């Protein structure tokens, strides 16, 4: 995505770190040597995401969708068509607090640009619409063990939505298909959902504002993380 570069490299580093990790909290390595990390049983990563994105530079004002990424997507579609394979994209679920950070930092237009670009190339499943599946931040971990990687349970719902196996408990806007004819109406609905969510959660809007104030004032990442841990509720 526009605020994260080097995704392939990061994935390789993740695999390497998991393979070399001897911690007993890890699951036994599979035949390919990959040992996945056991998902967290709490929501601290979600609670601290507003600090995390600022202090790590994961999101920053002025971020842009790289033209090379759209070029790569265009090449994918052409490659599939040359082999008579139907190509479709999906936009992965993002936790609502991550969406809040993107909006606060002025990056929302880039998210919309991504949707427009992909929908113009091929039908695109959109899993970023506002609903209860992307809002979990307390209690028992079901869908979000951390802020940027959803659980296998949510992944299963994503697959079901894309394979036509929807169940009655899945929100209607989860996995909405965008195409060149429908993308604008989808963006309008998404903005309205965002504005309604912001109006219902002034405390989170204030937490985002404070996180940026602390960052600009030079408060350390350790200090803001310690404060989040002391506050609990995760």
C-alpha atoms as a PDB file:
ATOM      1  CA  UNK A   1       0.000   0.000   0.000  1.00  0.00           C
ATOM      2  CA  UNK A   2       1.052   3.630  -0.387  1.00  0.00           C
ATOM      3  CA  UNK A   3       2.365   3.933   3.167  1.00  0.00           C
ATOM      4  CA  UNK A   4       4.326   0.696   3.142  1.00  0.00           C
ATOM      5  CA  UNK A   5       7.207   0.019   0.784  1.00  0.00           C
ATOM      6  CA  UNK A   6       9.328  -3.041   0.219  1.00  0.00           C
ATOM      7  CA  UNK A   7       6.539  -5.469   1.047  1.00  0.00           C
ATOM      8  CA  UNK A   8       8.288  -8.431  -0.554  1.00  0.00           C
ATOM      9  CA  UNK A   9      11.508  -7.670   1.292  1.00  0.00           C
ATOM     10  CA  UNK A  10       9.622  -7.318   4.585  1.00  0.00           C
ATOM     11  CA  UNK A  11       7.954 -10.676   4.004  1.00  0.00           C
ATOM     12  CA  UNK A  12      11.322 -12.313   3.403  1.00  0.00           C
ATOM     13  CA  UNK A  13      12.684 -10.837   6.623  1.00  0.00           C
ATOM     14  CA  UNK A  14       9.605 -12.077   8.495  1.00  0.00           C
ATOM     15  CA  UNK A  15      10.110 -15.619   7.237  1.00  0.00           C
ATOM     16  CA  UNK A  16      13.807 -15.470   8.131  1.00  0.00           C
ATOM     17  CA  UNK A  17      13.086 -14.183  11.629  1.00  0.00           C
ATOM     18  CA  UNK A  18      10.517 -16.889  12.230  1.00  0.00           C
ATOM     19  CA  UNK A  19      12.810 -19.664  11.006  1.00  0.00           C
ATOM     20  CA  UNK A  20      15.626 -18.539  13.297  1.00  0.00           C
ATOM     21  CA  UNK A  21      13.441 -18.041  16.347  1.00  0.00           C
ATOM     22  CA  UNK A  22      13.828 -20.681  19.055  1.00  0.00           C
ATOM     23  CA  UNK A  23      11.221 -19.320  21.450  1.00  0.00           C
ATOM     24  CA  UNK A  24       8.948 -22.093  22.742  1.00  0.00           C
ATOM     25  CA  UNK A  25       5.969 -19.811  22.215  1.00  0.00           C
ATOM     26  CA  UNK A  26       6.315 -20.444  18.498  1.00  0.00           C
ATOM     27  CA  UNK A  27       4.468 -23.152  16.646  1.00  0.00           C
ATOM     28  CA  UNK A  28       6.497 -26.100  15.358  1.00  0.00           C
ATOM     29  CA  UNK A  29       8.063 -25.308  11.999  1.00  0.00           C
ATOM     30  CA  UNK A  30       6.337 -26.608   8.898  1.00  0.00           C
ATOM     31  CA  UNK A  31       8.179 -28.673   6.307  1.00  0.00           C
ATOM     32  CA  UNK A  32       9.285 -25.532   4.514  1.00  0.00           C
ATOM     33  CA  UNK A  33      10.935 -24.210   7.674  1.00  0.00           C
ATOM     34  CA  UNK A  34       8.425 -21.463   8.313  1.00  0.00           C
ATOM     35  CA  UNK A  35       7.371 -21.180  11.951  1.00  0.00           C
ATOM     36  CA  UNK A  36       4.435 -18.777  12.324  1.00  0.00           C
ATOM     37  CA  UNK A  37       4.184 -16.633  15.436  1.00  0.00           C
ATOM     38  CA  UNK A  38       1.369 -17.600  17.785  1.00  0.00           C
ATOM     39  CA  UNK A  39      -1.282 -14.828  17.536  1.00  0.00           C
ATOM     40  CA  UNK A  40      -1.473 -12.468  20.504  1.00  0.00           C
ATOM     41  CA  UNK A  41      -4.246 -13.084  23.013  1.00  0.00           C
ATOM     42  CA  UNK A  42      -4.755  -9.366  23.681  1.00  0.00           C
ATOM     43  CA  UNK A  43      -5.312  -6.194  21.661  1.00  0.00           C
ATOM     44  CA  UNK A  44      -2.334  -4.110  22.739  1.00  0.00           C
ATOM     45  CA  UNK A  45      -1.023  -3.820  19.181  1.00  0.00           C
ATOM     46  CA  UNK A  46      -4.363  -2.354  18.117  1.00  0.00           C
ATOM     47  CA  UNK A  47      -4.450   0.020  21.078  1.00  0.00           C
ATOM     48  CA  UNK A  48      -0.946   1.291  20.316  1.00  0.00           C
ATOM     49  CA  UNK A  49      -1.271   1.527  16.535  1.00  0.00           C
ATOM     50  CA  UNK A  50      -1.770   5.305  16.511  1.00  0.00           C
ATOM     51  CA  UNK A  51       1.602   5.748  18.192  1.00  0.00           C
ATOM     52  CA  UNK A  52       3.216   3.001  16.146  1.00  0.00           C
ATOM     53  CA  UNK A  53       2.447   4.421  12.712  1.00  0.00           C
ATOM     54  CA  UNK A  54       3.953   7.782  13.653  1.00  0.00           C
ATOM     55  CA  UNK A  55       7.094   6.690  15.485  1.00  0.00           C
ATOM     56  CA  UNK A  56       8.054   4.047  12.945  1.00  0.00           C
ATOM     57  CA  UNK A  57       7.252   6.175   9.901  1.00  0.00           C
ATOM     58  CA  UNK A  58       4.840   3.505   8.700  1.00  0.00           C
ATOM     59  CA  UNK A  59       2.467   6.326   7.823  1.00  0.00           C
ATOM     60  CA  UNK A  60       3.446   9.920   7.245  1.00  0.00           C
ATOM     61  CA  UNK A  61       1.880  12.984   5.723  1.00  0.00           C
ATOM     62  CA  UNK A  62       2.558  13.314   2.023  1.00  0.00           C
ATOM     63  CA  UNK A  63       2.659   9.583   1.355  1.00  0.00           C
ATOM     64  CA  UNK A  64       1.611   8.605  -2.154  1.00  0.00           C
ATOM     65  CA  UNK A  65       0.546   5.560  -4.084  1.00  0.00           C
ATOM     66  CA  UNK A  66       3.510   4.625  -6.258  1.00  0.00           C
ATOM     67  CA  UNK A  67       2.856   4.555  -9.999  1.00  0.00           C
ATOM     68  CA  UNK A  68       5.082   1.472 -10.190  1.00  0.00           C
ATOM     69  CA  UNK A  69       2.589  -0.461  -8.067  1.00  0.00           C
ATOM     70  CA  UNK A  70      -0.273   0.306 -10.443  1.00  0.00           C
ATOM     71  CA  UNK A  71       2.016  -0.549 -13.315  1.00  0.00           C
ATOM     72  CA  UNK A  72       2.697  -3.929 -11.734  1.00  0.00           C
ATOM     73  CA  UNK A  73      -1.049  -4.513 -11.305  1.00  0.00           C
ATOM     74  CA  UNK A  74      -1.601  -3.614 -14.956  1.00  0.00           C
ATOM     75  CA  UNK A  75       1.034  -6.132 -15.982  1.00  0.00           C
ATOM     76  CA  UNK A  76      -0.669  -8.795 -13.830  1.00  0.00           C
ATOM     77  CA  UNK A  77      -3.968  -8.282 -15.638  1.00  0.00           C
ATOM     78  CA  UNK A  78      -2.304  -8.439 -19.065  1.00  0.00           C
ATOM     79  CA  UNK A  79      -0.408 -11.581 -18.083  1.00  0.00           C
ATOM     80  CA  UNK A  80      -3.579 -13.276 -16.872  1.00  0.00           C
ATOM     81  CA  UNK A  81      -5.551 -12.325 -19.965  1.00  0.00           C
ATOM     82  CA  UNK A  82      -2.837 -13.666 -22.240  1.00  0.00           C
ATOM     83  CA  UNK A  83      -3.362 -17.025 -20.536  1.00  0.00           C
ATOM     84  CA  UNK A  84      -7.162 -16.744 -20.521  1.00  0.00           C
ATOM     85  CA  UNK A  85      -7.247 -16.401 -16.745  1.00  0.00           C
ATOM     86  CA  UNK A  86      -9.700 -14.021 -15.095  1.00  0.00           C
ATOM     87  CA  UNK A  87      -7.852 -11.621 -12.823  1.00  0.00           C
ATOM     88  CA  UNK A  88      -9.448 -10.083  -9.759  1.00  0.00           C
ATOM     89  CA  UNK A  89      -7.968  -8.018  -6.943  1.00  0.00           C
ATOM     90  CA  UNK A  90      -8.893  -7.643  -3.318  1.00  0.00           C
ATOM     91  CA  UNK A  91      -8.142  -4.853  -0.874  1.00  0.00           C
ATOM     92  CA  UNK A  92      -7.300  -6.427   2.454  1.00  0.00           C
ATOM     93  CA  UNK A  93      -9.239  -5.548   5.607  1.00  0.00           C
ATOM     94  CA  UNK A  94      -7.772  -2.649   7.575  1.00  0.00           C
ATOM     95  CA  UNK A  95      -8.580  -2.090  11.223  1.00  0.00           C
ATOM     96  CA  UNK A  96     -10.683   1.046  11.767  1.00  0.00           C
ATOM     97  CA  UNK A  97      -7.936   2.607  13.889  1.00  0.00           C
ATOM     98  CA  UNK A  98      -5.541   2.241  10.958  1.00  0.00           C
ATOM     99  CA  UNK A  99      -8.126   3.935   8.755  1.00  0.00           C
ATOM    100  CA  UNK A 100      -8.372   6.689  11.374  1.00  0.00           C
ATOM    101  CA  UNK A 101      -4.613   7.240  11.237  1.00  0.00           C
ATOM    102  CA  UNK A 102      -4.665   7.382   7.430  1.00  0.00           C
ATOM    103  CA  UNK A 103      -7.489   9.913   7.460  1.00  0.00           C
ATOM    104  CA  UNK A 104      -5.890  12.051  10.177  1.00  0.00           C
ATOM    105  CA  UNK A 105      -2.614  12.182   8.255  1.00  0.00           C
ATOM    106  CA  UNK A 106      -4.302  13.288   5.040  1.00  0.00           C
ATOM    107  CA  UNK A 107      -3.784   9.970   3.267  1.00  0.00           C
ATOM    108  CA  UNK A 108      -7.426   9.172   2.561  1.00  0.00           C
ATOM    109  CA  UNK A 109      -7.248  10.439  -1.045  1.00  0.00           C
ATOM    110  CA  UNK A 110      -4.474   7.917  -1.710  1.00  0.00           C
ATOM    111  CA  UNK A 111      -6.656   5.095  -0.449  1.00  0.00           C
ATOM    112  CA  UNK A 112      -9.402   6.230  -2.787  1.00  0.00           C
ATOM    113  CA  UNK A 113      -6.894   6.493  -5.620  1.00  0.00           C
ATOM    114  CA  UNK A 114      -5.918   2.858  -5.003  1.00  0.00           C
ATOM    115  CA  UNK A 115      -9.532   1.725  -5.223  1.00  0.00           C
ATOM    116  CA  UNK A 116     -10.139   3.706  -8.396  1.00  0.00           C
ATOM    117  CA  UNK A 117      -6.993   2.370 -10.046  1.00  0.00           C
ATOM    118  CA  UNK A 118      -7.651  -1.280  -9.239  1.00  0.00           C
ATOM    119  CA  UNK A 119     -11.339  -1.139 -10.116  1.00  0.00           C
ATOM    120  CA  UNK A 120     -10.432   0.317 -13.509  1.00  0.00           C
ATOM    121  CA  UNK A 121      -8.223  -2.710 -14.169  1.00  0.00           C
ATOM    122  CA  UNK A 122     -10.354  -5.594 -12.874  1.00  0.00           C
ATOM    123  CA  UNK A 123     -13.206  -6.357 -10.458  1.00  0.00           C
ATOM    124  CA  UNK A 124     -11.884  -5.685  -6.944  1.00  0.00           C
ATOM    125  CA  UNK A 125     -13.188  -7.031  -3.638  1.00  0.00           C
ATOM    126  CA  UNK A 126     -13.165  -4.231  -1.072  1.00  0.00           C
ATOM    127  CA  UNK A 127     -12.772  -5.287   2.579  1.00  0.00           C
ATOM    128  CA  UNK A 128     -12.140  -1.811   4.010  1.00  0.00           C
ATOM    129  CA  UNK A 129     -15.758  -0.769   4.486  1.00  0.00           C
ATOM    130  CA  UNK A 130     -16.807   0.053   8.063  1.00  0.00           C
ATOM    131  CA  UNK A 131     -18.467  -2.779   9.980  1.00  0.00           C
ATOM    132  CA  UNK A 132     -18.012  -4.717  13.210  1.00  0.00           C
ATOM    133  CA  UNK A 133     -15.487  -7.103  11.644  1.00  0.00           C
ATOM    134  CA  UNK A 134     -12.798  -4.405  11.464  1.00  0.00           C
ATOM    135  CA  UNK A 135     -13.567  -2.663  14.760  1.00  0.00           C
ATOM    136  CA  UNK A 136     -12.473  -5.201  17.379  1.00  0.00           C
ATOM    137  CA  UNK A 137     -10.127  -3.649  19.951  1.00  0.00           C
ATOM    138  CA  UNK A 138     -11.028  -5.203  23.303  1.00  0.00           C
ATOM    139  CA  UNK A 139     -12.158  -8.402  24.979  1.00  0.00           C
ATOM    140  CA  UNK A 140     -11.465 -11.830  23.505  1.00  0.00           C
ATOM    141  CA  UNK A 141      -9.317 -11.810  20.383  1.00  0.00           C
ATOM    142  CA  UNK A 142     -11.295 -13.144  17.437  1.00  0.00           C
ATOM    143  CA  UNK A 143     -10.323 -11.167  14.356  1.00  0.00           C
ATOM    144  CA  UNK A 144      -7.473  -8.784  15.293  1.00  0.00           C
ATOM    145  CA  UNK A 145      -4.556 -10.158  17.337  1.00  0.00           C
ATOM    146  CA  UNK A 146      -2.602  -7.121  16.139  1.00  0.00           C
ATOM    147  CA  UNK A 147      -3.234  -3.984  14.163  1.00  0.00           C
ATOM    148  CA  UNK A 148      -1.963  -4.944  10.711  1.00  0.00           C
ATOM    149  CA  UNK A 149      -2.553  -8.681  10.442  1.00  0.00           C
ATOM    150  CA  UNK A 150      -5.999 -10.148  10.925  1.00  0.00           C
ATOM    151  CA  UNK A 151      -6.629 -13.625  12.277  1.00  0.00           C
ATOM    152  CA  UNK A 152      -7.293 -16.835  10.322  1.00  0.00           C
ATOM    153  CA  UNK A 153     -10.942 -16.475  11.383  1.00  0.00           C
ATOM    154  CA  UNK A 154     -11.279 -13.197   9.495  1.00  0.00           C
ATOM    155  CA  UNK A 155      -9.222 -14.593   6.640  1.00  0.00           C
ATOM    156  CA  UNK A 156     -11.758 -17.382   6.277  1.00  0.00           C
ATOM    157  CA  UNK A 157     -14.555 -14.828   5.981  1.00  0.00           C
ATOM    158  CA  UNK A 158     -12.560 -12.994   3.299  1.00  0.00           C
ATOM    159  CA  UNK A 159     -12.235 -16.214   1.308  1.00  0.00           C
ATOM    160  CA  UNK A 160     -15.922 -16.993   1.743  1.00  0.00           C
ATOM    161  CA  UNK A 161     -16.897 -13.559   0.477  1.00  0.00           C
ATOM    162  CA  UNK A 162     -14.723 -13.958  -2.615  1.00  0.00           C
ATOM    163  CA  UNK A 163     -15.920 -17.459  -3.418  1.00  0.00           C
ATOM    164  CA  UNK A 164     -19.647 -16.807  -3.090  1.00  0.00           C
ATOM    165  CA  UNK A 165     -20.032 -18.669   0.205  1.00  0.00           C
ATOM    166  CA  UNK A 166     -21.349 -15.767   2.237  1.00  0.00           C
ATOM    167  CA  UNK A 167     -23.181 -16.464   5.486  1.00  0.00           C
ATOM    168  CA  UNK A 168     -26.017 -14.522   7.078  1.00  0.00           C
ATOM    169  CA  UNK A 169     -23.772 -13.066   9.812  1.00  0.00           C
ATOM    170  CA  UNK A 170     -21.414 -11.351   7.318  1.00  0.00           C
ATOM    171  CA  UNK A 171     -22.029  -7.607   6.839  1.00  0.00           C
ATOM    172  CA  UNK A 172     -23.362  -6.752   3.377  1.00  0.00           C
ATOM    173  CA  UNK A 173     -20.528  -4.279   2.778  1.00  0.00           C
ATOM    174  CA  UNK A 174     -17.804  -6.813   3.609  1.00  0.00           C
ATOM    175  CA  UNK A 175     -16.147  -7.695   0.313  1.00  0.00           C
ATOM    176  CA  UNK A 176     -18.154  -5.334  -1.877  1.00  0.00           C
ATOM    177  CA  UNK A 177     -17.080  -5.763  -5.481  1.00  0.00           C
ATOM    178  CA  UNK A 178     -15.811  -2.577  -7.101  1.00  0.00           C
ATOM    179  CA  UNK A 179     -15.665  -2.178 -10.846  1.00  0.00           C
ATOM    180  CA  UNK A 180     -15.370   0.783 -13.176  1.00  0.00           C
ATOM    181  CA  UNK A 181     -19.152   1.331 -13.065  1.00  0.00           C
ATOM    182  CA  UNK A 182     -19.657   1.116  -9.297  1.00  0.00           C
ATOM    183  CA  UNK A 183     -16.504   2.457  -7.715  1.00  0.00           C
ATOM    184  CA  UNK A 184     -17.730   6.046  -7.281  1.00  0.00           C
ATOM    185  CA  UNK A 185     -20.874   5.005  -5.412  1.00  0.00           C
ATOM    186  CA  UNK A 186     -18.728   2.762  -3.231  1.00  0.00           C
ATOM    187  CA  UNK A 187     -16.415   5.650  -2.366  1.00  0.00           C
ATOM    188  CA  UNK A 188     -19.361   7.858  -1.431  1.00  0.00           C
ATOM    189  CA  UNK A 189     -20.733   5.170   0.885  1.00  0.00           C
ATOM    190  CA  UNK A 190     -17.275   4.632   2.414  1.00  0.00           C
ATOM    191  CA  UNK A 191     -16.848   8.344   3.175  1.00  0.00           C
ATOM    192  CA  UNK A 192     -20.263   8.454   4.843  1.00  0.00           C
ATOM    193  CA  UNK A 193     -19.420   5.396   6.933  1.00  0.00           C
ATOM    194  CA  UNK A 194     -16.151   7.068   7.956  1.00  0.00           C
ATOM    195  CA  UNK A 195     -17.838  10.323   8.957  1.00  0.00           C
ATOM    196  CA  UNK A 196     -20.489   8.466  10.966  1.00  0.00           C
ATOM    197  CA  UNK A 197     -17.791   6.441  12.727  1.00  0.00           C
ATOM    198  CA  UNK A 198     -15.735   9.539  13.566  1.00  0.00           C
ATOM    199  CA  UNK A 199     -18.829  11.221  15.029  1.00  0.00           C
ATOM    200  CA  UNK A 200     -19.475   8.188  17.241  1.00  0.00           C
ATOM    201  CA  UNK A 201     -15.871   7.953  18.483  1.00  0.00           C
ATOM    202  CA  UNK A 202     -14.587  11.393  19.520  1.00  0.00           C
ATOM    203  CA  UNK A 203     -12.354   9.734  22.126  1.00  0.00           C
ATOM    204  CA  UNK A 204     -10.401   7.907  19.420  1.00  0.00           C
ATOM    205  CA  UNK A 205     -10.133  11.057  17.311  1.00  0.00           C
ATOM    206  CA  UNK A 206      -8.669  12.786  20.370  1.00  0.00           C
ATOM    207  CA  UNK A 207      -6.282   9.887  20.971  1.00  0.00           C
ATOM    208  CA  UNK A 208      -5.003  10.238  17.407  1.00  0.00           C
ATOM    209  CA  UNK A 209      -4.523  13.968  17.853  1.00  0.00           C
ATOM    210  CA  UNK A 210      -2.626  13.431  21.109  1.00  0.00           C
ATOM    211  CA  UNK A 211      -0.467  10.746  19.505  1.00  0.00           C
ATOM    212  CA  UNK A 212       0.651  13.192  16.820  1.00  0.00           C
ATOM    213  CA  UNK A 213       1.200  15.982  19.373  1.00  0.00           C
ATOM    214  CA  UNK A 214       3.415  13.666  21.456  1.00  0.00           C
ATOM    215  CA  UNK A 215       5.339  12.648  18.359  1.00  0.00           C
ATOM    216  CA  UNK A 216       5.900  16.236  17.246  1.00  0.00           C
ATOM    217  CA  UNK A 217       6.954  17.224  20.773  1.00  0.00           C
ATOM    218  CA  UNK A 218       9.616  14.541  20.859  1.00  0.00           C
ATOM    219  CA  UNK A 219       7.998  12.210  23.389  1.00  0.00           C
ATOM    220  CA  UNK A 220       9.725   8.848  22.913  1.00  0.00           C
ATOM    221  CA  UNK A 221       8.050   5.770  21.513  1.00  0.00           C
ATOM    222  CA  UNK A 222       8.866   3.945  24.760  1.00  0.00           C
ATOM    223  CA  UNK A 223       7.124   6.657  26.791  1.00  0.00           C
ATOM    224  CA  UNK A 224       3.934   6.626  24.744  1.00  0.00           C
ATOM    225  CA  UNK A 225       3.923   2.814  24.659  1.00  0.00           C
ATOM    226  CA  UNK A 226       4.397   2.601  28.432  1.00  0.00           C
ATOM    227  CA  UNK A 227       1.508   5.038  28.876  1.00  0.00           C
ATOM    228  CA  UNK A 228      -0.724   2.930  26.632  1.00  0.00           C
ATOM    229  CA  UNK A 229       0.177  -0.190  28.591  1.00  0.00           C
ATOM    230  CA  UNK A 230      -0.532   1.550  31.899  1.00  0.00           C
ATOM    231  CA  UNK A 231      -3.942   2.643  30.622  1.00  0.00           C
ATOM    232  CA  UNK A 232      -4.877  -0.992  29.967  1.00  0.00           C
ATOM    233  CA  UNK A 233      -8.214  -1.785  28.312  1.00  0.00           C
ATOM    234  CA  UNK A 234      -6.621  -4.160  25.829  1.00  0.00           C
END
